[in-house]
């Protein structure tokens, strides 16, 4: 076993989160957010098609195929959390795999410890290979996700030493996922494949005599050198491990709308500008709108105003990024709603047309030419100072045809690590699928059970987790 692999194995074995309530609290809210991202996707045609495909053997769905389904479904709407160091998605892969291998005796503490370990390894790897890994075209949800998956499974199932090294090795050699799949079903499939491959690797090594290399992270010719052409030392791992923890710093980005997290700052900035424009005295007077008394009334009336749209008065919109910060937003002129999930132009268009993002517009097959004409007036510029990999900031400037200019800059939007979603926000996301009484039963089961399995039974009774 090489020294880097040995260091990773040691930290997986020795990590104790008993006194890390800061990490455990994030893991809990991330799990509920994961479920709130998975549940509404289970009615999508592609998700149902995958469910039928893996259920060809009746109720005997393999653990690996369960992980595939959960990963695909939980990432399908791009409603799940993301993390800056990874430049990808933790929970969709990790929780999907852990749910697939859970045993009736597993406790919540063991479950969340495994998740924290998997997330920690993924985030550290991401910090060592990005942004080069991302800009080269890799999708780390797939490439790094499978490695984090087996770390989590190994922790949950109590693997040690060479057995754990071989599991990491088999995962590393399956590392795959390319970002050209953004805007297609191939992107959420990366999450499913990473979860499935991790589960499959575990089962293969547990039930066969197959042997693999125990040097997956050898500095000379291991994973880091092959994938990232970089040399990583054991100290690079040890110095970062739970210091303070990838779930804390840089933390998770959670979403209130189903689009790429790289657009969250820009979307909120556009919303602030839209609300300001709506109350702008000359604009309100010109269109005979009643001036609202409060910001809350402003937002409610803005979204309810018939035929509300600022576009007839807009000359141009400029979205300001730091250099390279929009890499994940690869579509400047999307033609489908699916592509629009990865387009700041489409998201800003919606806000200025309707006052807020309209989730259903990400499901349309064809974006109208009139909408694309509006998007053509949106320009990206890269005039904000470069920020660290863990930071995000976006400025939106709207210039009206009369010359008036409105601008707003956002760096800690709702759902960001410094402005996180609260339980009430998660309840709202769960409310997209479940009724209030169902949500109450789910939350009660989540908080009042020591083991994971009884909670999963409650979920299935409420119509979540179909396979």
Protein backbone atom coordinates (compact mmCIF):
# COMPACT_ATOMS: atom_id res chain seq x y z
CA UNK A 1 0.00 0.00 0.00
CA UNK A 2 1.42 3.41 -0.96
CA UNK A 3 1.65 6.15 1.68
CA UNK A 4 -1.17 8.29 0.27
CA UNK A 5 -3.57 5.35 0.14
CA UNK A 6 -2.47 4.29 3.62
CA UNK A 7 -3.20 7.77 4.92
CA UNK A 8 -6.70 7.78 3.41
CA UNK A 9 -7.41 4.31 4.81
CA UNK A 10 -6.19 5.36 8.27
CA UNK A 11 -8.41 8.42 8.34
CA UNK A 12 -11.47 6.48 7.21
CA UNK A 13 -10.86 3.91 9.95
CA UNK A 14 -10.09 6.39 12.72
CA UNK A 15 -12.59 9.19 12.11
CA UNK A 16 -14.84 9.74 15.12
CA UNK A 17 -17.61 12.32 14.79
CA UNK A 18 -19.22 11.68 18.17
CA UNK A 19 -18.37 15.20 19.35
CA UNK A 20 -18.80 16.90 15.99
CA UNK A 21 -22.38 18.09 16.20
CA UNK A 22 -21.50 20.81 13.68
CA UNK A 23 -20.87 18.13 11.04
CA UNK A 24 -23.74 15.90 12.11
CA UNK A 25 -26.27 18.74 11.95
CA UNK A 26 -25.26 19.56 8.38
CA UNK A 27 -25.44 15.85 7.47
CA UNK A 28 -29.00 15.64 8.83
CA UNK A 29 -30.32 18.64 6.96
CA UNK A 30 -28.47 17.46 3.83
CA UNK A 31 -30.25 14.10 4.04
CA UNK A 32 -33.69 15.71 4.26
CA UNK A 33 -32.74 18.01 1.39
CA UNK A 34 -31.62 14.94 -0.57
CA UNK A 35 -35.04 13.35 -0.05
CA UNK A 36 -36.74 16.62 -1.03
CA UNK A 37 -34.74 16.55 -4.26
CA UNK A 38 -35.43 12.89 -4.98
CA UNK A 39 -39.17 12.79 -4.25
CA UNK A 40 -40.44 15.22 -6.94
CA UNK A 41 -38.27 13.52 -9.57
CA UNK A 42 -39.93 10.15 -9.08
CA UNK A 43 -42.84 11.25 -11.27
CA UNK A 44 -40.58 12.24 -14.17
CA UNK A 45 -40.84 10.00 -17.25
CA UNK A 46 -37.11 9.26 -17.48
CA UNK A 47 -36.95 8.32 -13.79
CA UNK A 48 -39.97 6.05 -14.12
CA UNK A 49 -38.47 4.46 -17.23
CA UNK A 50 -35.29 3.67 -15.30
CA UNK A 51 -37.35 2.21 -12.45
CA UNK A 52 -39.15 -0.10 -14.88
CA UNK A 53 -35.85 -1.07 -16.49
CA UNK A 54 -34.22 -2.18 -13.23
CA UNK A 55 -37.38 -3.88 -11.97
CA UNK A 56 -37.42 -6.49 -14.73
CA UNK A 57 -36.71 -9.13 -12.08
CA UNK A 58 -39.78 -8.23 -10.06
CA UNK A 59 -39.05 -7.17 -6.49
CA UNK A 60 -35.52 -8.57 -6.55
CA UNK A 61 -33.83 -5.30 -7.44
CA UNK A 62 -30.13 -5.52 -6.69
CA UNK A 63 -28.49 -3.14 -4.25
CA UNK A 64 -26.35 -1.76 -7.07
CA UNK A 65 -29.44 -1.02 -9.18
CA UNK A 66 -31.16 0.62 -6.22
CA UNK A 67 -28.16 2.93 -5.89
CA UNK A 68 -28.35 3.66 -9.63
CA UNK A 69 -32.01 4.60 -9.34
CA UNK A 70 -31.63 6.74 -6.22
CA UNK A 71 -28.64 8.59 -7.67
CA UNK A 72 -30.31 9.26 -11.00
CA UNK A 73 -33.58 10.35 -9.41
CA UNK A 74 -32.07 12.57 -6.72
CA UNK A 75 -29.93 14.44 -9.28
CA UNK A 76 -32.44 14.40 -12.13
CA UNK A 77 -33.98 17.82 -11.45
CA UNK A 78 -30.62 19.33 -10.39
CA UNK A 79 -32.37 20.25 -7.16
CA UNK A 80 -29.76 18.63 -4.89
CA UNK A 81 -26.89 20.21 -2.98
CA UNK A 82 -23.47 21.09 -4.40
CA UNK A 83 -20.04 21.89 -2.96
CA UNK A 84 -17.43 24.30 -4.27
CA UNK A 85 -14.24 22.28 -3.71
CA UNK A 86 -15.74 19.25 -5.39
CA UNK A 87 -17.35 21.40 -8.09
CA UNK A 88 -20.05 18.77 -7.99
CA UNK A 89 -22.66 17.09 -5.83
CA UNK A 90 -22.06 15.13 -2.61
CA UNK A 91 -25.36 13.92 -1.31
CA UNK A 92 -26.93 12.55 -4.47
CA UNK A 93 -24.19 9.92 -4.74
CA UNK A 94 -23.34 9.24 -1.10
CA UNK A 95 -26.83 8.94 0.30
CA UNK A 96 -27.99 6.94 -2.71
CA UNK A 97 -25.29 4.34 -2.14
CA UNK A 98 -25.73 4.26 1.63
CA UNK A 99 -29.49 3.74 1.29
CA UNK A 100 -28.82 0.82 -1.03
CA UNK A 101 -26.51 -1.01 1.41
CA UNK A 102 -28.25 -0.11 4.67
CA UNK A 103 -28.87 -2.95 7.14
CA UNK A 104 -31.72 -3.12 9.69
CA UNK A 105 -29.26 -2.69 12.57
CA UNK A 106 -27.57 0.46 11.22
CA UNK A 107 -28.03 3.52 13.42
CA UNK A 108 -28.35 7.13 12.35
CA UNK A 109 -24.98 7.91 13.91
CA UNK A 110 -23.26 5.21 11.84
CA UNK A 111 -25.14 6.34 8.73
CA UNK A 112 -24.17 9.99 9.08
CA UNK A 113 -20.58 9.17 10.08
CA UNK A 114 -20.24 7.26 6.81
CA UNK A 115 -21.69 10.19 4.85
CA UNK A 116 -19.34 12.67 6.55
CA UNK A 117 -16.32 10.49 5.72
CA UNK A 118 -17.34 10.13 2.07
CA UNK A 119 -17.99 13.86 1.77
CA UNK A 120 -14.69 14.68 3.44
CA UNK A 121 -12.67 12.57 1.02
CA UNK A 122 -14.54 13.93 -2.01
CA UNK A 123 -14.09 17.54 -0.93
CA UNK A 124 -10.39 17.10 -0.22
CA UNK A 125 -9.83 15.41 -3.57
CA UNK A 126 -11.75 18.23 -5.25
CA UNK A 127 -9.61 20.85 -3.54
CA UNK A 128 -6.49 19.12 -4.89
CA UNK A 129 -7.55 18.65 -8.53
CA UNK A 130 -9.86 21.58 -9.27
CA UNK A 131 -10.31 23.86 -11.10
CA UNK A 132 -8.16 22.03 -13.69
CA UNK A 133 -10.25 18.85 -13.44
CA UNK A 134 -13.45 20.77 -14.10
CA UNK A 135 -12.10 22.97 -16.88
CA UNK A 136 -10.66 19.93 -18.63
CA UNK A 137 -14.23 18.69 -18.98
CA UNK A 138 -14.63 16.15 -16.20
CA UNK A 139 -17.78 15.99 -14.07
CA UNK A 140 -16.55 15.30 -10.55
CA UNK A 141 -19.95 14.05 -9.36
CA UNK A 142 -19.05 10.98 -11.40
CA UNK A 143 -15.26 10.91 -11.31
CA UNK A 144 -14.74 11.67 -7.62
CA UNK A 145 -18.18 10.54 -6.46
CA UNK A 146 -17.47 6.85 -6.89
CA UNK A 147 -14.36 7.17 -4.67
CA UNK A 148 -16.29 8.99 -1.96
CA UNK A 149 -19.00 6.35 -2.25
CA UNK A 150 -16.73 3.44 -1.38
CA UNK A 151 -15.15 5.42 1.45
CA UNK A 152 -18.63 5.87 2.91
CA UNK A 153 -19.61 2.24 2.33
CA UNK A 154 -16.32 1.02 3.78
CA UNK A 155 -16.86 3.18 6.87
CA UNK A 156 -20.44 1.98 7.33
CA UNK A 157 -19.57 -1.68 6.87
CA UNK A 158 -16.40 -1.52 8.97
CA UNK A 159 -13.78 -2.39 6.34
CA UNK A 160 -10.12 -2.04 7.33
CA UNK A 161 -6.61 -2.13 5.93
CA UNK A 162 -6.03 -3.80 2.60
CA UNK A 163 -9.72 -4.62 2.13
CA UNK A 164 -10.50 -0.91 2.23
CA UNK A 165 -7.54 -0.11 -0.03
CA UNK A 166 -8.76 -2.61 -2.62
CA UNK A 167 -12.25 -1.13 -2.48
CA UNK A 168 -10.84 2.37 -3.08
CA UNK A 169 -8.75 0.92 -5.89
CA UNK A 170 -11.67 -0.68 -7.69
CA UNK A 171 -13.66 2.55 -7.36
CA UNK A 172 -10.80 4.69 -8.65
CA UNK A 173 -10.40 2.59 -11.78
CA UNK A 174 -14.11 3.16 -12.58
CA UNK A 175 -13.80 6.94 -12.29
CA UNK A 176 -15.79 8.54 -15.12
CA UNK A 177 -18.18 11.35 -16.04
CA UNK A 178 -17.79 14.17 -18.55
CA UNK A 179 -19.39 17.57 -18.43
CA UNK A 180 -20.58 17.58 -22.03
CA UNK A 181 -23.58 15.69 -20.64
CA UNK A 182 -24.89 18.85 -18.94
CA UNK A 183 -28.39 19.64 -20.10
CA UNK A 184 -29.16 15.98 -20.84
CA UNK A 185 -30.14 12.89 -18.85
CA UNK A 186 -26.49 11.87 -18.99
CA UNK A 187 -25.58 14.29 -16.20
CA UNK A 188 -27.87 12.82 -13.51
CA UNK A 189 -26.89 9.39 -14.80
CA UNK A 190 -23.34 10.19 -13.63
CA UNK A 191 -24.64 10.34 -10.05
CA UNK A 192 -26.47 7.05 -10.47
CA UNK A 193 -23.49 5.32 -12.04
CA UNK A 194 -21.11 6.55 -9.33
CA UNK A 195 -23.42 5.24 -6.61
CA UNK A 196 -24.04 1.97 -8.44
CA UNK A 197 -20.39 1.34 -9.22
CA UNK A 198 -19.41 1.94 -5.61
CA UNK A 199 -22.00 -0.53 -4.35
CA UNK A 200 -21.07 -3.04 -7.05
CA UNK A 201 -17.37 -2.75 -6.16
CA UNK A 202 -18.15 -3.44 -2.51
CA UNK A 203 -20.27 -6.49 -3.31
CA UNK A 204 -17.76 -7.82 -5.81
CA UNK A 205 -14.90 -7.71 -3.32
CA UNK A 206 -17.04 -9.15 -0.53
CA UNK A 207 -18.41 -12.11 -2.47
CA UNK A 208 -15.56 -13.12 -4.78
CA UNK A 209 -11.86 -13.88 -4.47
CA UNK A 210 -10.98 -11.08 -6.88
CA UNK A 211 -7.90 -9.08 -5.92
CA UNK A 212 -6.99 -5.53 -7.01
CA UNK A 213 -4.05 -3.19 -6.54
CA UNK A 214 -3.67 -1.67 -3.10
CA UNK A 215 -1.90 1.40 -4.49
CA UNK A 216 -4.67 3.44 -6.14
CA UNK A 217 -3.20 6.77 -5.06
CA UNK A 218 0.46 6.01 -5.61
CA UNK A 219 2.08 9.42 -6.33
CA UNK A 220 4.02 8.10 -9.31
CA UNK A 221 1.29 6.40 -11.36
CA UNK A 222 -1.90 6.42 -9.31
CA UNK A 223 -5.27 8.16 -9.72
CA UNK A 224 -4.13 11.73 -9.08
CA UNK A 225 -1.30 11.47 -11.59
CA UNK A 226 -3.47 9.76 -14.22
CA UNK A 227 -6.60 11.90 -13.91
CA UNK A 228 -5.12 15.23 -12.92
CA UNK A 229 -1.43 14.99 -13.81
CA UNK A 230 -0.69 16.19 -10.30
CA UNK A 231 1.38 14.83 -7.43
CA UNK A 232 -0.41 14.48 -4.10
CA UNK A 233 1.37 13.63 -0.84
CA UNK A 234 0.08 12.02 2.32
CA UNK A 235 0.37 15.38 4.08
CA UNK A 236 -1.97 16.93 1.50
CA UNK A 237 -4.62 14.55 2.79
CA UNK A 238 -3.77 14.54 6.50
CA UNK A 239 -3.49 18.32 6.85
CA UNK A 240 -6.97 18.85 5.39
CA UNK A 241 -8.89 16.02 7.04
CA UNK A 242 -11.76 17.42 9.14
CA UNK A 243 -9.96 20.72 9.54
CA UNK A 244 -12.68 21.85 10.10
CA UNK A 245 -14.51 19.59 7.61
CA UNK A 246 -15.71 19.88 4.03
CA UNK A 247 -19.33 20.16 5.17
CA UNK A 248 -18.39 23.25 7.18
CA UNK A 249 -15.75 24.90 5.02
CA UNK A 250 -16.51 25.57 2.23
CA UNK A 251 -19.87 23.97 3.09
CA UNK A 252 -22.88 22.95 1.01
CA UNK A 253 -24.99 24.96 -1.41
CA UNK A 254 -28.65 23.95 -1.24
CA UNK A 255 -31.25 25.02 -3.76
CA UNK A 256 -34.73 26.47 -3.72
CA UNK A 257 -35.04 26.06 -7.52
CA UNK A 258 -33.88 23.23 -9.81
CA UNK A 259 -30.97 24.74 -11.71
CA UNK A 260 -27.17 24.72 -11.54
CA UNK A 261 -25.87 26.20 -8.30
CA UNK A 262 -23.43 28.39 -10.26
CA UNK A 263 -26.46 30.53 -11.15
CA UNK A 264 -27.81 31.06 -7.63
CA UNK A 265 -26.03 34.37 -7.01
CA UNK A 266 -27.06 35.76 -10.40
CA UNK A 267 -30.67 34.67 -9.97
CA UNK A 268 -30.99 36.37 -6.59
CA UNK A 269 -29.30 39.53 -7.88
CA UNK A 270 -31.77 39.60 -10.80
CA UNK A 271 -34.69 39.16 -8.38
CA UNK A 272 -33.52 42.12 -6.28
CA UNK A 273 -33.20 44.27 -9.38
CA UNK A 274 -36.64 43.19 -10.62
CA UNK A 275 -38.27 44.06 -7.31
CA UNK A 276 -36.47 47.41 -7.26
CA UNK A 277 -37.61 48.15 -10.79
CA UNK A 278 -41.17 47.24 -9.88
CA UNK A 279 -41.21 49.87 -7.14
CA UNK A 280 -39.23 52.45 -9.12
CA UNK A 281 -41.51 55.49 -9.10
CA UNK A 282 -41.34 56.38 -12.78
CA UNK A 283 -41.78 52.73 -13.83
CA UNK A 284 -44.70 52.18 -11.45
CA UNK A 285 -46.37 55.40 -12.61
CA UNK A 286 -45.78 54.65 -16.28
CA UNK A 287 -47.52 51.27 -16.03
CA UNK A 288 -50.22 52.35 -13.55
CA UNK A 289 -49.10 49.86 -10.91
CA UNK A 290 -50.05 50.45 -7.30
CA UNK A 291 -46.96 51.11 -5.21
CA UNK A 292 -46.76 48.39 -2.56
CA UNK A 293 -46.40 49.25 1.10
CA UNK A 294 -43.83 46.61 2.06
CA UNK A 295 -41.17 44.49 0.41
CA UNK A 296 -43.25 41.38 1.10
CA UNK A 297 -46.24 42.95 -0.64
CA UNK A 298 -43.90 44.00 -3.43
CA UNK A 299 -42.78 40.45 -4.11
CA UNK A 300 -46.29 39.00 -3.89
CA UNK A 301 -47.77 41.60 -6.24
CA UNK A 302 -44.85 41.42 -8.63
CA UNK A 303 -45.30 37.69 -9.19
CA UNK A 304 -49.11 38.01 -9.35
CA UNK A 305 -49.23 40.99 -11.72
CA UNK A 306 -50.92 39.96 -15.00
CA UNK A 307 -48.54 40.01 -17.95
CA UNK A 308 -45.72 41.26 -15.74
CA UNK A 309 -42.56 41.62 -17.75
CA UNK A 310 -39.75 44.11 -17.71
CA UNK A 311 -38.45 43.04 -21.10
CA UNK A 312 -40.44 45.57 -23.14
CA UNK A 313 -38.51 48.33 -21.34
CA UNK A 314 -35.11 46.64 -21.13
CA UNK A 315 -32.32 47.57 -23.51
CA UNK A 316 -29.71 45.13 -22.24
CA UNK A 317 -28.65 43.04 -19.25
CA UNK A 318 -25.09 42.41 -18.15
CA UNK A 319 -24.16 39.53 -15.87
CA UNK A 320 -20.76 40.06 -14.24
CA UNK A 321 -18.65 37.09 -13.13
CA UNK A 322 -15.12 36.57 -11.86
CA UNK A 323 -12.97 34.92 -14.55
CA UNK A 324 -14.10 31.34 -15.18
CA UNK A 325 -16.83 31.38 -12.53
CA UNK A 326 -19.54 30.54 -15.07
CA UNK A 327 -17.90 27.38 -16.44
CA UNK A 328 -20.79 25.16 -15.35
CA UNK A 329 -23.31 27.45 -17.07
CA UNK A 330 -22.37 26.17 -20.48
CA UNK A 331 -25.43 27.28 -22.49
CA UNK A 332 -25.68 30.92 -23.51
CA UNK A 333 -28.57 30.30 -25.92
CA UNK A 334 -30.37 27.17 -24.69
CA UNK A 335 -33.00 25.59 -26.92
CA UNK A 336 -34.66 23.36 -24.28
CA UNK A 337 -35.65 23.83 -20.67
CA UNK A 338 -33.18 21.11 -19.71
CA UNK A 339 -30.33 23.09 -21.24
CA UNK A 340 -31.77 26.16 -19.55
CA UNK A 341 -30.91 24.68 -16.14
CA UNK A 342 -27.31 25.43 -17.07
CA UNK A 343 -27.85 28.90 -18.55
CA UNK A 344 -27.69 32.15 -16.59
CA UNK A 345 -29.36 33.79 -19.58
CA UNK A 346 -32.47 31.61 -19.30
CA UNK A 347 -32.65 32.02 -15.53
CA UNK A 348 -32.26 35.81 -15.63
CA UNK A 349 -34.79 35.97 -18.47
CA UNK A 350 -37.36 34.21 -16.27
CA UNK A 351 -36.82 36.53 -13.32
CA UNK A 352 -37.21 39.66 -15.45
CA UNK A 353 -40.21 38.22 -17.27
CA UNK A 354 -42.12 36.82 -14.29
CA UNK A 355 -40.55 38.29 -11.18
CA UNK A 356 -39.14 34.94 -10.07
CA UNK A 357 -37.78 31.69 -11.50
CA UNK A 358 -40.53 29.45 -12.87
CA UNK A 359 -39.56 25.82 -12.19
CA UNK A 360 -41.92 24.38 -14.80
CA UNK A 361 -40.06 26.20 -17.58
CA UNK A 362 -37.10 23.87 -17.11
CA UNK A 363 -39.27 21.02 -18.37
CA UNK A 364 -40.30 22.43 -21.76
CA UNK A 365 -39.08 20.75 -24.93
CA UNK A 366 -38.47 23.92 -26.96
CA UNK A 367 -37.73 27.47 -25.88
CA UNK A 368 -39.68 29.98 -28.01
CA UNK A 369 -37.79 32.27 -30.36
CA UNK A 370 -39.25 35.31 -28.57
CA UNK A 371 -37.60 34.15 -25.36
CA UNK A 372 -34.32 33.50 -27.15
CA UNK A 373 -34.49 37.02 -28.58
CA UNK A 374 -34.71 38.37 -25.03
CA UNK A 375 -31.81 36.17 -23.95
CA UNK A 376 -29.72 37.60 -26.80
CA UNK A 377 -29.79 40.92 -24.92
CA UNK A 378 -28.02 39.33 -21.96
CA UNK A 379 -24.24 39.54 -22.01
CA UNK A 380 -21.68 37.88 -19.76
CA UNK A 381 -18.61 39.84 -18.75
CA UNK A 382 -15.72 38.84 -16.52
CA UNK A 383 -14.85 42.05 -14.73
CA UNK A 384 -15.23 40.96 -11.11
CA UNK A 385 -12.06 40.18 -9.14
CA UNK A 386 -10.98 36.56 -9.11
CA UNK A 387 -12.18 34.75 -5.98
CA UNK A 388 -11.14 31.52 -4.30
CA UNK A 389 -12.55 28.22 -5.46
CA UNK A 390 -14.90 28.14 -2.46
CA UNK A 391 -16.43 31.58 -3.11
CA UNK A 392 -19.10 32.77 -5.52
CA UNK A 393 -20.17 36.26 -6.48
CA UNK A 394 -22.25 37.62 -9.35
CA UNK A 395 -23.44 41.11 -10.31
CA UNK A 396 -26.42 41.83 -12.55
CA UNK A 397 -26.87 45.17 -14.32
CA UNK A 398 -30.14 46.00 -16.08
CA UNK A 399 -30.16 48.99 -18.44
CA UNK A 400 -33.55 50.30 -19.53
CA UNK A 401 -34.29 51.83 -22.92
CA UNK A 402 -34.61 55.24 -21.26
CA UNK A 403 -31.04 54.98 -19.98
CA UNK A 404 -31.81 54.18 -16.35
CA UNK A 405 -29.50 51.54 -14.90
CA UNK A 406 -30.10 49.20 -11.96
CA UNK A 407 -27.48 46.88 -10.52
CA UNK A 408 -27.07 44.41 -7.67
CA UNK A 409 -24.24 42.17 -6.45
CA UNK A 410 -24.83 38.95 -4.47
CA UNK A 411 -22.31 36.62 -2.87
CA UNK A 412 -24.23 34.92 -0.06
CA UNK A 413 -27.65 34.06 -1.52
CA UNK A 414 -30.29 31.93 0.17
CA UNK A 415 -29.03 28.36 0.28
CA UNK A 416 -25.34 29.27 0.40
CA UNK A 417 -23.16 28.03 3.27
CA UNK A 418 -23.31 31.44 4.98
CA UNK A 419 -27.07 31.77 4.41
CA UNK A 420 -28.19 28.13 4.66
CA UNK A 421 -31.62 26.63 4.20
CA UNK A 422 -33.52 26.11 7.44
CA UNK A 423 -35.89 23.28 8.29
CA UNK A 424 -38.84 25.35 7.11
CA UNK A 425 -37.18 25.69 3.68
CA UNK A 426 -36.74 21.92 3.53
CA UNK A 427 -40.40 21.48 4.46
CA UNK A 428 -41.31 23.70 1.50
CA UNK A 429 -39.23 21.50 -0.82
CA UNK A 430 -40.83 18.36 0.60
CA UNK A 431 -44.18 20.07 0.04
CA UNK A 432 -43.64 19.85 -3.71
CA UNK A 433 -44.43 16.14 -3.36
CA UNK A 434 -45.97 15.52 0.05
CA UNK A 435 -48.94 16.99 1.88
CA UNK A 436 -48.49 18.76 5.22
CA UNK A 437 -49.60 15.76 7.28
CA UNK A 438 -47.24 13.51 5.34
CA UNK A 439 -44.34 15.88 5.96
CA UNK A 440 -45.18 15.92 9.67
CA UNK A 441 -45.10 12.12 9.78
CA UNK A 442 -41.79 12.00 7.90
CA UNK A 443 -40.11 14.56 10.17
CA UNK A 444 -41.46 12.84 13.28
CA UNK A 445 -40.13 9.46 12.11
CA UNK A 446 -36.79 11.05 11.26
CA UNK A 447 -36.35 12.61 14.69
CA UNK A 448 -37.80 9.80 16.84
CA UNK A 449 -36.00 6.69 15.61
CA UNK A 450 -32.53 5.44 16.55
CA UNK A 451 -32.14 3.25 13.48
CA UNK A 452 -32.44 4.14 9.81
CA UNK A 453 -34.64 1.28 8.57
CA UNK A 454 -37.87 2.27 10.40
CA UNK A 455 -37.62 5.71 8.84
CA UNK A 456 -37.21 4.21 5.37
CA UNK A 457 -40.36 2.19 5.95
CA UNK A 458 -42.18 5.43 6.78
CA UNK A 459 -40.89 7.01 3.58
CA UNK A 460 -42.18 4.13 1.48
CA UNK A 461 -45.59 4.35 3.15
CA UNK A 462 -45.70 8.04 2.21
CA UNK A 463 -44.84 7.27 -1.42
CA UNK A 464 -41.11 8.08 -1.47
CA UNK A 465 -38.38 5.59 -2.50
CA UNK A 466 -40.25 3.55 -5.10
CA UNK A 467 -37.64 0.83 -5.52
